[in-house]
All heavy atoms as atom14 arrays in JSON, in Angstrom:
{
  "sequence": "WFTRNDMTPRVAVLPQRYVDVFESVQMFNRDSRALPSDTPHFDL",
  "atom14_mask": [
    [1, 1, 1, 1, 1, 1, 1, 1, 1, 1, 1, 1, 1, 1],
    [1, 1, 1, 1, 1, 1, 1, 1, 1, 1, 1, 0, 0, 0],
    [1, 1, 1, 1, 1, 1, 1, 0, 0, 0, 0, 0, 0, 0],
    [1, 1, 1, 1, 1, 1, 1, 1, 1, 1, 1, 0, 0, 0],
    [1, 1, 1, 1, 1, 1, 1, 1, 0, 0, 0, 0, 0, 0],
    [1, 1, 1, 1, 1, 1, 1, 1, 0, 0, 0, 0, 0, 0],
    [1, 1, 1, 1, 1, 1, 1, 1, 0, 0, 0, 0, 0, 0],
    [1, 1, 1, 1, 1, 1, 1, 0, 0, 0, 0, 0, 0, 0],
    [1, 1, 1, 1, 1, 1, 1, 0, 0, 0, 0, 0, 0, 0],
    [1, 1, 1, 1, 1, 1, 1, 1, 1, 1, 1, 0, 0, 0],
    [1, 1, 1, 1, 1, 1, 1, 0, 0, 0, 0, 0, 0, 0],
    [1, 1, 1, 1, 1, 0, 0, 0, 0, 0, 0, 0, 0, 0],
    [1, 1, 1, 1, 1, 1, 1, 0, 0, 0, 0, 0, 0, 0],
    [1, 1, 1, 1, 1, 1, 1, 1, 0, 0, 0, 0, 0, 0],
    [1, 1, 1, 1, 1, 1, 1, 0, 0, 0, 0, 0, 0, 0],
    [1, 1, 1, 1, 1, 1, 1, 1, 1, 0, 0, 0, 0, 0],
    [1, 1, 1, 1, 1, 1, 1, 1, 1, 1, 1, 0, 0, 0],
    [1, 1, 1, 1, 1, 1, 1, 1, 1, 1, 1, 1, 0, 0],
    [1, 1, 1, 1, 1, 1, 1, 0, 0, 0, 0, 0, 0, 0],
    [1, 1, 1, 1, 1, 1, 1, 1, 0, 0, 0, 0, 0, 0],
    [1, 1, 1, 1, 1, 1, 1, 0, 0, 0, 0, 0, 0, 0],
    [1, 1, 1, 1, 1, 1, 1, 1, 1, 1, 1, 0, 0, 0],
    [1, 1, 1, 1, 1, 1, 1, 1, 1, 0, 0, 0, 0, 0],
    [1, 1, 1, 1, 1, 1, 0, 0, 0, 0, 0, 0, 0, 0],
    [1, 1, 1, 1, 1, 1, 1, 0, 0, 0, 0, 0, 0, 0],
    [1, 1, 1, 1, 1, 1, 1, 1, 1, 0, 0, 0, 0, 0],
    [1, 1, 1, 1, 1, 1, 1, 1, 0, 0, 0, 0, 0, 0],
    [1, 1, 1, 1, 1, 1, 1, 1, 1, 1, 1, 0, 0, 0],
    [1, 1, 1, 1, 1, 1, 1, 1, 0, 0, 0, 0, 0, 0],
    [1, 1, 1, 1, 1, 1, 1, 1, 1, 1, 1, 0, 0, 0],
    [1, 1, 1, 1, 1, 1, 1, 1, 0, 0, 0, 0, 0, 0],
    [1, 1, 1, 1, 1, 1, 0, 0, 0, 0, 0, 0, 0, 0],
    [1, 1, 1, 1, 1, 1, 1, 1, 1, 1, 1, 0, 0, 0],
    [1, 1, 1, 1, 1, 0, 0, 0, 0, 0, 0, 0, 0, 0],
    [1, 1, 1, 1, 1, 1, 1, 1, 0, 0, 0, 0, 0, 0],
    [1, 1, 1, 1, 1, 1, 1, 0, 0, 0, 0, 0, 0, 0],
    [1, 1, 1, 1, 1, 1, 0, 0, 0, 0, 0, 0, 0, 0],
    [1, 1, 1, 1, 1, 1, 1, 1, 0, 0, 0, 0, 0, 0],
    [1, 1, 1, 1, 1, 1, 1, 0, 0, 0, 0, 0, 0, 0],
    [1, 1, 1, 1, 1, 1, 1, 0, 0, 0, 0, 0, 0, 0],
    [1, 1, 1, 1, 1, 1, 1, 1, 1, 1, 0, 0, 0, 0],
    [1, 1, 1, 1, 1, 1, 1, 1, 1, 1, 1, 0, 0, 0],
    [1, 1, 1, 1, 1, 1, 1, 1, 0, 0, 0, 0, 0, 0],
    [1, 1, 1, 1, 1, 1, 1, 1, 0, 0, 0, 0, 0, 0]
  ],
  "atom14_positions": [
    [[50.32, 138.59, 6.11], [49.8, 137.22, 6.37], [49.97, 136.43, 5.08], [49.55, 136.81, 4.0], [48.32, 137.3, 6.68], [48.05, 138.03, 8.01], [47.61, 139.29, 8.15], [48.24, 137.49, 9.31], [47.51, 139.62, 9.48], [47.89, 138.54, 10.24], [48.7, 136.28, 9.83], [47.96, 138.36, 11.59], [48.76, 136.13, 11.21], [48.39, 137.18, 12.09]],
    [[50.57, 135.22, 5.22], [50.92, 134.41, 4.06], [50.21, 133.07, 4.18], [50.34, 132.33, 5.19], [52.47, 134.21, 4.08], [52.98, 133.33, 2.95], [52.43, 133.41, 1.69], [54.02, 132.44, 3.18], [52.91, 132.6, 0.68], [54.51, 131.63, 2.19], [53.97, 131.72, 0.93], [0.0, 0.0, 0.0], [0.0, 0.0, 0.0], [0.0, 0.0, 0.0]],
    [[49.35, 132.77, 3.19], [48.61, 131.5, 3.21], [48.83, 130.83, 1.86], [49.53, 131.29, 0.97], [47.09, 131.77, 3.4], [46.56, 132.47, 2.28], [46.88, 132.62, 4.68], [0.0, 0.0, 0.0], [0.0, 0.0, 0.0], [0.0, 0.0, 0.0], [0.0, 0.0, 0.0], [0.0, 0.0, 0.0], [0.0, 0.0, 0.0], [0.0, 0.0, 0.0]],
    [[48.09, 129.69, 1.65], [48.22, 128.96, 0.43], [47.25, 129.44, -0.64], [47.12, 128.77, -1.69], [47.95, 127.46, 0.68], [49.0, 126.77, 1.48], [48.9, 125.31, 1.34], [47.6, 124.8, 1.73], [47.11, 123.64, 1.33], [47.78, 122.85, 0.56], [45.87, 123.29, 1.74], [0.0, 0.0, 0.0], [0.0, 0.0, 0.0], [0.0, 0.0, 0.0]],
    [[46.58, 130.53, -0.4], [45.66, 131.1, -1.41], [46.43, 131.55, -2.61], [47.23, 132.49, -2.54], [44.91, 132.24, -0.8], [43.79, 132.79, -1.69], [43.95, 132.82, -2.91], [42.69, 133.22, -1.07], [0.0, 0.0, 0.0], [0.0, 0.0, 0.0], [0.0, 0.0, 0.0], [0.0, 0.0, 0.0], [0.0, 0.0, 0.0], [0.0, 0.0, 0.0]],
    [[46.24, 130.83, -3.77], [47.02, 131.13, -4.98], [46.75, 132.53, -5.53], [47.6, 133.18, -6.16], [46.75, 130.11, -6.06], [47.31, 128.75, -5.68], [48.28, 128.73, -4.91], [46.82, 127.74, -6.21], [0.0, 0.0, 0.0], [0.0, 0.0, 0.0], [0.0, 0.0, 0.0], [0.0, 0.0, 0.0], [0.0, 0.0, 0.0], [0.0, 0.0, 0.0]],
    [[45.5, 133.01, -5.37], [45.11, 134.33, -5.89], [45.77, 135.48, -5.08], [46.33, 136.4, -5.66], [43.62, 134.47, -5.88], [42.92, 133.42, -6.75], [43.41, 133.46, -8.5], [42.68, 135.06, -8.94], [0.0, 0.0, 0.0], [0.0, 0.0, 0.0], [0.0, 0.0, 0.0], [0.0, 0.0, 0.0], [0.0, 0.0, 0.0], [0.0, 0.0, 0.0]],
    [[45.64, 135.43, -3.78], [46.18, 136.45, -2.9], [46.92, 135.78, -1.71], [46.42, 135.71, -0.61], [45.08, 137.35, -2.34], [44.07, 136.54, -1.7], [44.48, 138.18, -3.46], [0.0, 0.0, 0.0], [0.0, 0.0, 0.0], [0.0, 0.0, 0.0], [0.0, 0.0, 0.0], [0.0, 0.0, 0.0], [0.0, 0.0, 0.0], [0.0, 0.0, 0.0]],
    [[48.11, 135.22, -1.96], [48.82, 134.51, -0.87], [49.25, 135.41, 0.27], [49.37, 134.98, 1.4], [50.02, 133.88, -1.6], [50.2, 134.76, -2.83], [48.87, 135.22, -3.24], [0.0, 0.0, 0.0], [0.0, 0.0, 0.0], [0.0, 0.0, 0.0], [0.0, 0.0, 0.0], [0.0, 0.0, 0.0], [0.0, 0.0, 0.0], [0.0, 0.0, 0.0]],
    [[49.54, 136.69, -0.04], [50.02, 137.62, 1.0], [49.05, 138.8, 1.07], [48.82, 139.45, 0.06], [51.43, 138.08, 0.69], [52.48, 137.01, 0.87], [53.89, 137.54, 0.55], [54.9, 136.57, 0.93], [55.29, 135.55, 0.13], [54.74, 135.4, -1.04], [56.2, 134.69, 0.57], [0.0, 0.0, 0.0], [0.0, 0.0, 0.0], [0.0, 0.0, 0.0]],
    [[48.52, 139.02, 2.27], [47.58, 140.13, 2.47], [47.93, 140.81, 3.76], [48.59, 140.22, 4.66], [46.11, 139.62, 2.55], [45.67, 139.09, 1.22], [45.93, 138.55, 3.64], [0.0, 0.0, 0.0], [0.0, 0.0, 0.0], [0.0, 0.0, 0.0], [0.0, 0.0, 0.0], [0.0, 0.0, 0.0], [0.0, 0.0, 0.0], [0.0, 0.0, 0.0]],
    [[47.52, 142.07, 3.89], [47.87, 142.85, 5.05], [46.92, 142.57, 6.25], [47.32, 142.74, 7.39], [47.79, 144.36, 4.71], [0.0, 0.0, 0.0], [0.0, 0.0, 0.0], [0.0, 0.0, 0.0], [0.0, 0.0, 0.0], [0.0, 0.0, 0.0], [0.0, 0.0, 0.0], [0.0, 0.0, 0.0], [0.0, 0.0, 0.0], [0.0, 0.0, 0.0]],
    [[45.72, 142.2, 5.98], [44.69, 141.99, 7.0], [44.4, 140.47, 7.11], [44.25, 139.81, 6.1], [43.38, 142.75, 6.71], [42.34, 142.46, 7.76], [43.68, 144.25, 6.58], [0.0, 0.0, 0.0], [0.0, 0.0, 0.0], [0.0, 0.0, 0.0], [0.0, 0.0, 0.0], [0.0, 0.0, 0.0], [0.0, 0.0, 0.0], [0.0, 0.0, 0.0]],
    [[44.34, 139.99, 8.34], [44.05, 138.55, 8.57], [42.76, 138.15, 7.91], [41.7, 138.74, 8.23], [44.01, 138.26, 10.07], [43.81, 136.82, 10.48], [44.93, 135.95, 10.08], [43.56, 136.75, 11.98], [0.0, 0.0, 0.0], [0.0, 0.0, 0.0], [0.0, 0.0, 0.0], [0.0, 0.0, 0.0], [0.0, 0.0, 0.0], [0.0, 0.0, 0.0]],
    [[42.72, 137.16, 6.99], [41.49, 136.79, 6.32], [40.4, 136.31, 7.35], [40.72, 135.77, 8.39], [41.95, 135.58, 5.46], [43.37, 135.82, 5.17], [43.92, 136.49, 6.49], [0.0, 0.0, 0.0], [0.0, 0.0, 0.0], [0.0, 0.0, 0.0], [0.0, 0.0, 0.0], [0.0, 0.0, 0.0], [0.0, 0.0, 0.0], [0.0, 0.0, 0.0]],
    [[39.2, 136.54, 6.97], [38.06, 136.35, 7.9], [37.94, 134.9, 8.37], [37.59, 134.61, 9.47], [36.77, 136.77, 7.26], [35.56, 136.68, 8.2], [35.7, 137.62, 9.36], [36.16, 138.72, 9.3], [35.25, 137.12, 10.55], [0.0, 0.0, 0.0], [0.0, 0.0, 0.0], [0.0, 0.0, 0.0], [0.0, 0.0, 0.0], [0.0, 0.0, 0.0]],
    [[38.3, 133.94, 7.49], [38.12, 132.55, 7.88], [39.03, 132.19, 9.06], [38.64, 131.32, 9.86], [38.34, 131.6, 6.69], [39.75, 131.57, 6.15], [39.77, 130.9, 4.79], [41.13, 130.67, 4.29], [41.76, 129.49, 4.24], [41.14, 128.45, 4.75], [42.98, 129.41, 3.77], [0.0, 0.0, 0.0], [0.0, 0.0, 0.0], [0.0, 0.0, 0.0]],
    [[40.2, 132.8, 9.17], [41.07, 132.57, 10.33], [40.55, 133.33, 11.53], [40.68, 132.83, 12.65], [42.49, 132.98, 9.98], [43.07, 132.23, 8.8], [43.08, 132.81, 7.53], [43.61, 130.95, 8.95], [43.64, 132.15, 6.43], [44.13, 130.25, 7.88], [44.17, 130.87, 6.63], [44.63, 130.19, 5.54], [0.0, 0.0, 0.0], [0.0, 0.0, 0.0]],
    [[40.0, 134.5, 11.29], [39.4, 135.26, 12.4], [38.31, 134.45, 13.06], [38.21, 134.38, 14.31], [38.79, 136.61, 11.91], [38.03, 137.31, 13.01], [39.92, 137.49, 11.38], [0.0, 0.0, 0.0], [0.0, 0.0, 0.0], [0.0, 0.0, 0.0], [0.0, 0.0, 0.0], [0.0, 0.0, 0.0], [0.0, 0.0, 0.0], [0.0, 0.0, 0.0]],
    [[37.46, 133.77, 12.23], [36.39, 132.92, 12.79], [36.92, 131.78, 13.63], [36.44, 131.46, 14.69], [35.59, 132.34, 11.63], [34.8, 133.41, 10.89], [34.59, 134.52, 11.46], [34.43, 133.15, 9.7], [0.0, 0.0, 0.0], [0.0, 0.0, 0.0], [0.0, 0.0, 0.0], [0.0, 0.0, 0.0], [0.0, 0.0, 0.0], [0.0, 0.0, 0.0]],
    [[38.05, 131.19, 13.19], [38.69, 130.1, 13.93], [39.16, 130.58, 15.32], [38.9, 129.99, 16.35], [39.87, 129.5, 13.15], [40.7, 128.58, 14.06], [39.34, 128.76, 11.91], [0.0, 0.0, 0.0], [0.0, 0.0, 0.0], [0.0, 0.0, 0.0], [0.0, 0.0, 0.0], [0.0, 0.0, 0.0], [0.0, 0.0, 0.0], [0.0, 0.0, 0.0]],
    [[39.82, 131.71, 15.31], [40.39, 132.24, 16.56], [39.26, 132.72, 17.48], [39.39, 132.62, 18.75], [41.37, 133.35, 16.3], [42.65, 132.87, 15.61], [43.15, 133.55, 14.5], [43.3, 131.74, 16.05], [44.3, 133.07, 13.9], [44.46, 131.27, 15.48], [44.96, 131.97, 14.34], [0.0, 0.0, 0.0], [0.0, 0.0, 0.0], [0.0, 0.0, 0.0]],
    [[38.2, 133.29, 16.92], [37.08, 133.71, 17.76], [36.41, 132.51, 18.45], [35.95, 132.62, 19.61], [36.08, 134.48, 16.91], [36.54, 135.9, 16.57], [35.5, 136.7, 15.8], [34.57, 136.04, 15.31], [35.64, 137.93, 15.66], [0.0, 0.0, 0.0], [0.0, 0.0, 0.0], [0.0, 0.0, 0.0], [0.0, 0.0, 0.0], [0.0, 0.0, 0.0]],
    [[36.37, 131.39, 17.75], [35.76, 130.2, 18.35], [36.64, 129.7, 19.51], [36.15, 129.26, 20.55], [35.64, 129.06, 17.3], [34.68, 129.44, 16.35], [0.0, 0.0, 0.0], [0.0, 0.0, 0.0], [0.0, 0.0, 0.0], [0.0, 0.0, 0.0], [0.0, 0.0, 0.0], [0.0, 0.0, 0.0], [0.0, 0.0, 0.0], [0.0, 0.0, 0.0]],
    [[37.95, 129.76, 19.34], [38.85, 129.38, 20.44], [38.65, 130.31, 21.64], [38.59, 129.85, 22.77], [40.34, 129.46, 19.96], [41.3, 129.18, 21.14], [40.63, 128.42, 18.86], [0.0, 0.0, 0.0], [0.0, 0.0, 0.0], [0.0, 0.0, 0.0], [0.0, 0.0, 0.0], [0.0, 0.0, 0.0], [0.0, 0.0, 0.0], [0.0, 0.0, 0.0]],
    [[38.54, 131.63, 21.35], [38.34, 132.56, 22.45], [37.0, 132.34, 23.14], [36.89, 132.53, 24.36], [38.42, 134.02, 21.9], [39.8, 134.45, 21.47], [40.76, 134.45, 22.65], [41.31, 133.39, 23.06], [41.0, 135.58, 23.19], [0.0, 0.0, 0.0], [0.0, 0.0, 0.0], [0.0, 0.0, 0.0], [0.0, 0.0, 0.0], [0.0, 0.0, 0.0]],
    [[35.96, 131.97, 22.35], [34.67, 131.67, 22.98], [34.81, 130.45, 23.96], [34.28, 130.51, 25.07], [33.67, 131.31, 21.87], [32.27, 130.94, 22.42], [31.11, 130.55, 21.1], [31.8, 128.97, 20.53], [0.0, 0.0, 0.0], [0.0, 0.0, 0.0], [0.0, 0.0, 0.0], [0.0, 0.0, 0.0], [0.0, 0.0, 0.0], [0.0, 0.0, 0.0]],
    [[35.54, 129.44, 23.54], [35.76, 128.28, 24.44], [36.57, 128.75, 25.62], [36.26, 128.29, 26.8], [36.49, 127.19, 23.67], [36.86, 126.02, 24.55], [35.88, 125.21, 25.08], [38.21, 125.75, 24.85], [36.22, 124.08, 25.9], [38.56, 124.69, 25.69], [37.55, 123.87, 26.18], [0.0, 0.0, 0.0], [0.0, 0.0, 0.0], [0.0, 0.0, 0.0]],
    [[37.56, 129.59, 25.48], [38.35, 130.05, 26.61], [37.51, 130.81, 27.62], [37.59, 130.63, 28.8], [39.51, 130.93, 26.12], [40.59, 130.15, 25.39], [40.69, 128.93, 25.55], [41.36, 130.85, 24.59], [0.0, 0.0, 0.0], [0.0, 0.0, 0.0], [0.0, 0.0, 0.0], [0.0, 0.0, 0.0], [0.0, 0.0, 0.0], [0.0, 0.0, 0.0]],
    [[36.65, 131.69, 27.1], [35.76, 132.48, 27.97], [34.78, 131.59, 28.71], [34.62, 131.74, 29.9], [35.02, 133.51, 27.15], [35.84, 134.69, 26.63], [35.0, 135.81, 26.14], [34.16, 135.38, 24.98], [34.55, 135.49, 23.7], [35.73, 136.0, 23.41], [33.77, 135.1, 22.72], [0.0, 0.0, 0.0], [0.0, 0.0, 0.0], [0.0, 0.0, 0.0]],
    [[34.19, 130.62, 27.98], [33.25, 129.7, 28.66], [33.92, 128.86, 29.7], [33.37, 128.59, 30.78], [32.57, 128.82, 27.61], [31.5, 129.57, 26.8], [31.15, 130.71, 27.2], [31.11, 129.07, 25.77], [0.0, 0.0, 0.0], [0.0, 0.0, 0.0], [0.0, 0.0, 0.0], [0.0, 0.0, 0.0], [0.0, 0.0, 0.0], [0.0, 0.0, 0.0]],
    [[35.18, 128.43, 29.45], [35.93, 127.62, 30.4], [36.24, 128.44, 31.65], [36.13, 127.93, 32.77], [37.21, 127.11, 29.76], [36.92, 126.26, 28.65], [0.0, 0.0, 0.0], [0.0, 0.0, 0.0], [0.0, 0.0, 0.0], [0.0, 0.0, 0.0], [0.0, 0.0, 0.0], [0.0, 0.0, 0.0], [0.0, 0.0, 0.0], [0.0, 0.0, 0.0]],
    [[36.69, 129.68, 31.44], [37.02, 130.49, 32.63], [35.79, 130.84, 33.44], [35.87, 131.12, 34.63], [37.74, 131.76, 32.15], [39.14, 131.53, 31.66], [39.89, 132.86, 31.56], [39.34, 133.71, 30.51], [39.73, 133.78, 29.28], [40.75, 132.96, 28.87], [39.17, 134.58, 28.39], [0.0, 0.0, 0.0], [0.0, 0.0, 0.0], [0.0, 0.0, 0.0]],
    [[34.62, 130.92, 32.78], [33.39, 131.25, 33.44], [32.85, 130.15, 34.33], [31.96, 130.39, 35.18], [32.31, 131.66, 32.42], [0.0, 0.0, 0.0], [0.0, 0.0, 0.0], [0.0, 0.0, 0.0], [0.0, 0.0, 0.0], [0.0, 0.0, 0.0], [0.0, 0.0, 0.0], [0.0, 0.0, 0.0], [0.0, 0.0, 0.0], [0.0, 0.0, 0.0]],
    [[33.36, 128.91, 34.16], [32.92, 127.82, 35.01], [33.36, 128.1, 36.45], [34.54, 128.39, 36.71], [33.5, 126.52, 34.55], [32.92, 125.87, 33.24], [33.77, 124.66, 32.84], [31.5, 125.49, 33.46], [0.0, 0.0, 0.0], [0.0, 0.0, 0.0], [0.0, 0.0, 0.0], [0.0, 0.0, 0.0], [0.0, 0.0, 0.0], [0.0, 0.0, 0.0]],
    [[32.47, 127.97, 37.41], [32.87, 128.12, 38.84], [33.99, 127.15, 39.17], [34.06, 126.04, 38.64], [31.6, 127.83, 39.62], [30.48, 128.07, 38.63], [31.02, 127.71, 37.31], [0.0, 0.0, 0.0], [0.0, 0.0, 0.0], [0.0, 0.0, 0.0], [0.0, 0.0, 0.0], [0.0, 0.0, 0.0], [0.0, 0.0, 0.0], [0.0, 0.0, 0.0]],
    [[34.88, 127.55, 40.07], [36.01, 126.74, 40.4], [35.64, 125.38, 41.01], [36.41, 124.43, 40.97], [36.98, 127.5, 41.34], [36.25, 127.86, 42.55], [0.0, 0.0, 0.0], [0.0, 0.0, 0.0], [0.0, 0.0, 0.0], [0.0, 0.0, 0.0], [0.0, 0.0, 0.0], [0.0, 0.0, 0.0], [0.0, 0.0, 0.0], [0.0, 0.0, 0.0]],
    [[34.5, 125.35, 41.64], [34.07, 124.1, 42.3], [33.17, 123.25, 41.37], [32.58, 122.29, 41.86], [33.34, 124.4, 43.61], [32.08, 125.29, 43.38], [31.93, 125.84, 42.26], [31.31, 125.43, 44.34], [0.0, 0.0, 0.0], [0.0, 0.0, 0.0], [0.0, 0.0, 0.0], [0.0, 0.0, 0.0], [0.0, 0.0, 0.0], [0.0, 0.0, 0.0]],
    [[33.1, 123.59, 40.11], [32.27, 122.81, 39.17], [32.93, 121.42, 38.99], [34.07, 121.29, 38.63], [32.18, 123.5, 37.8], [31.62, 124.77, 37.98], [31.33, 122.68, 36.84], [0.0, 0.0, 0.0], [0.0, 0.0, 0.0], [0.0, 0.0, 0.0], [0.0, 0.0, 0.0], [0.0, 0.0, 0.0], [0.0, 0.0, 0.0], [0.0, 0.0, 0.0]],
    [[32.14, 120.35, 39.27], [32.69, 118.97, 39.01], [32.8, 118.75, 37.5], [31.84, 118.88, 36.75], [31.66, 118.07, 39.67], [30.38, 118.86, 39.63], [30.76, 120.32, 39.76], [0.0, 0.0, 0.0], [0.0, 0.0, 0.0], [0.0, 0.0, 0.0], [0.0, 0.0, 0.0], [0.0, 0.0, 0.0], [0.0, 0.0, 0.0], [0.0, 0.0, 0.0]],
    [[34.0, 118.39, 37.07], [34.23, 118.15, 35.63], [34.05, 116.67, 35.37], [34.45, 115.81, 36.16], [35.65, 118.56, 35.26], [35.84, 120.03, 35.18], [37.03, 120.65, 34.97], [34.93, 121.08, 35.37], [36.9, 121.97, 34.98], [35.63, 122.21, 35.23], [0.0, 0.0, 0.0], [0.0, 0.0, 0.0], [0.0, 0.0, 0.0], [0.0, 0.0, 0.0]],
    [[33.51, 116.38, 34.21], [33.41, 115.0, 33.8], [34.83, 114.51, 33.43], [35.68, 115.26, 32.95], [32.52, 114.87, 32.55], [31.07, 115.21, 32.87], [30.51, 116.43, 32.61], [30.25, 114.22, 33.45], [29.19, 116.72, 32.85], [28.93, 114.54, 33.76], [28.41, 115.76, 33.46], [0.0, 0.0, 0.0], [0.0, 0.0, 0.0], [0.0, 0.0, 0.0]],
    [[35.07, 113.25, 33.62], [36.37, 112.69, 33.33], [36.23, 111.58, 32.28], [35.1, 111.09, 32.04], [37.04, 112.13, 34.59], [38.53, 112.0, 34.44], [39.04, 112.27, 33.34], [39.16, 111.61, 35.45], [0.0, 0.0, 0.0], [0.0, 0.0, 0.0], [0.0, 0.0, 0.0], [0.0, 0.0, 0.0], [0.0, 0.0, 0.0], [0.0, 0.0, 0.0]],
    [[37.31, 111.18, 31.71], [37.29, 110.04, 30.79], [37.01, 108.78, 31.61], [37.02, 108.82, 32.83], [38.66, 109.91, 30.13], [38.95, 111.07, 29.14], [40.45, 111.11, 28.83], [38.2, 110.87, 27.83], [0.0, 0.0, 0.0], [0.0, 0.0, 0.0], [0.0, 0.0, 0.0], [0.0, 0.0, 0.0], [0.0, 0.0, 0.0], [0.0, 0.0, 0.0]]
  ]
}
C-alpha cells in the first residue's frame, strides 16, 4: 500500500484510517440494501 505518508509511504497492511473509510461505505451499503423495496424514497 503506497500513500503520501513521508515516514512510511509503503506498508504491507492497509492503514487503519483507510479501513475506517471503507467500513463507513460498507455500512451505508448495508443500510441501503436493508431498505424494503417498496420504501418511498425522498427525491430532490
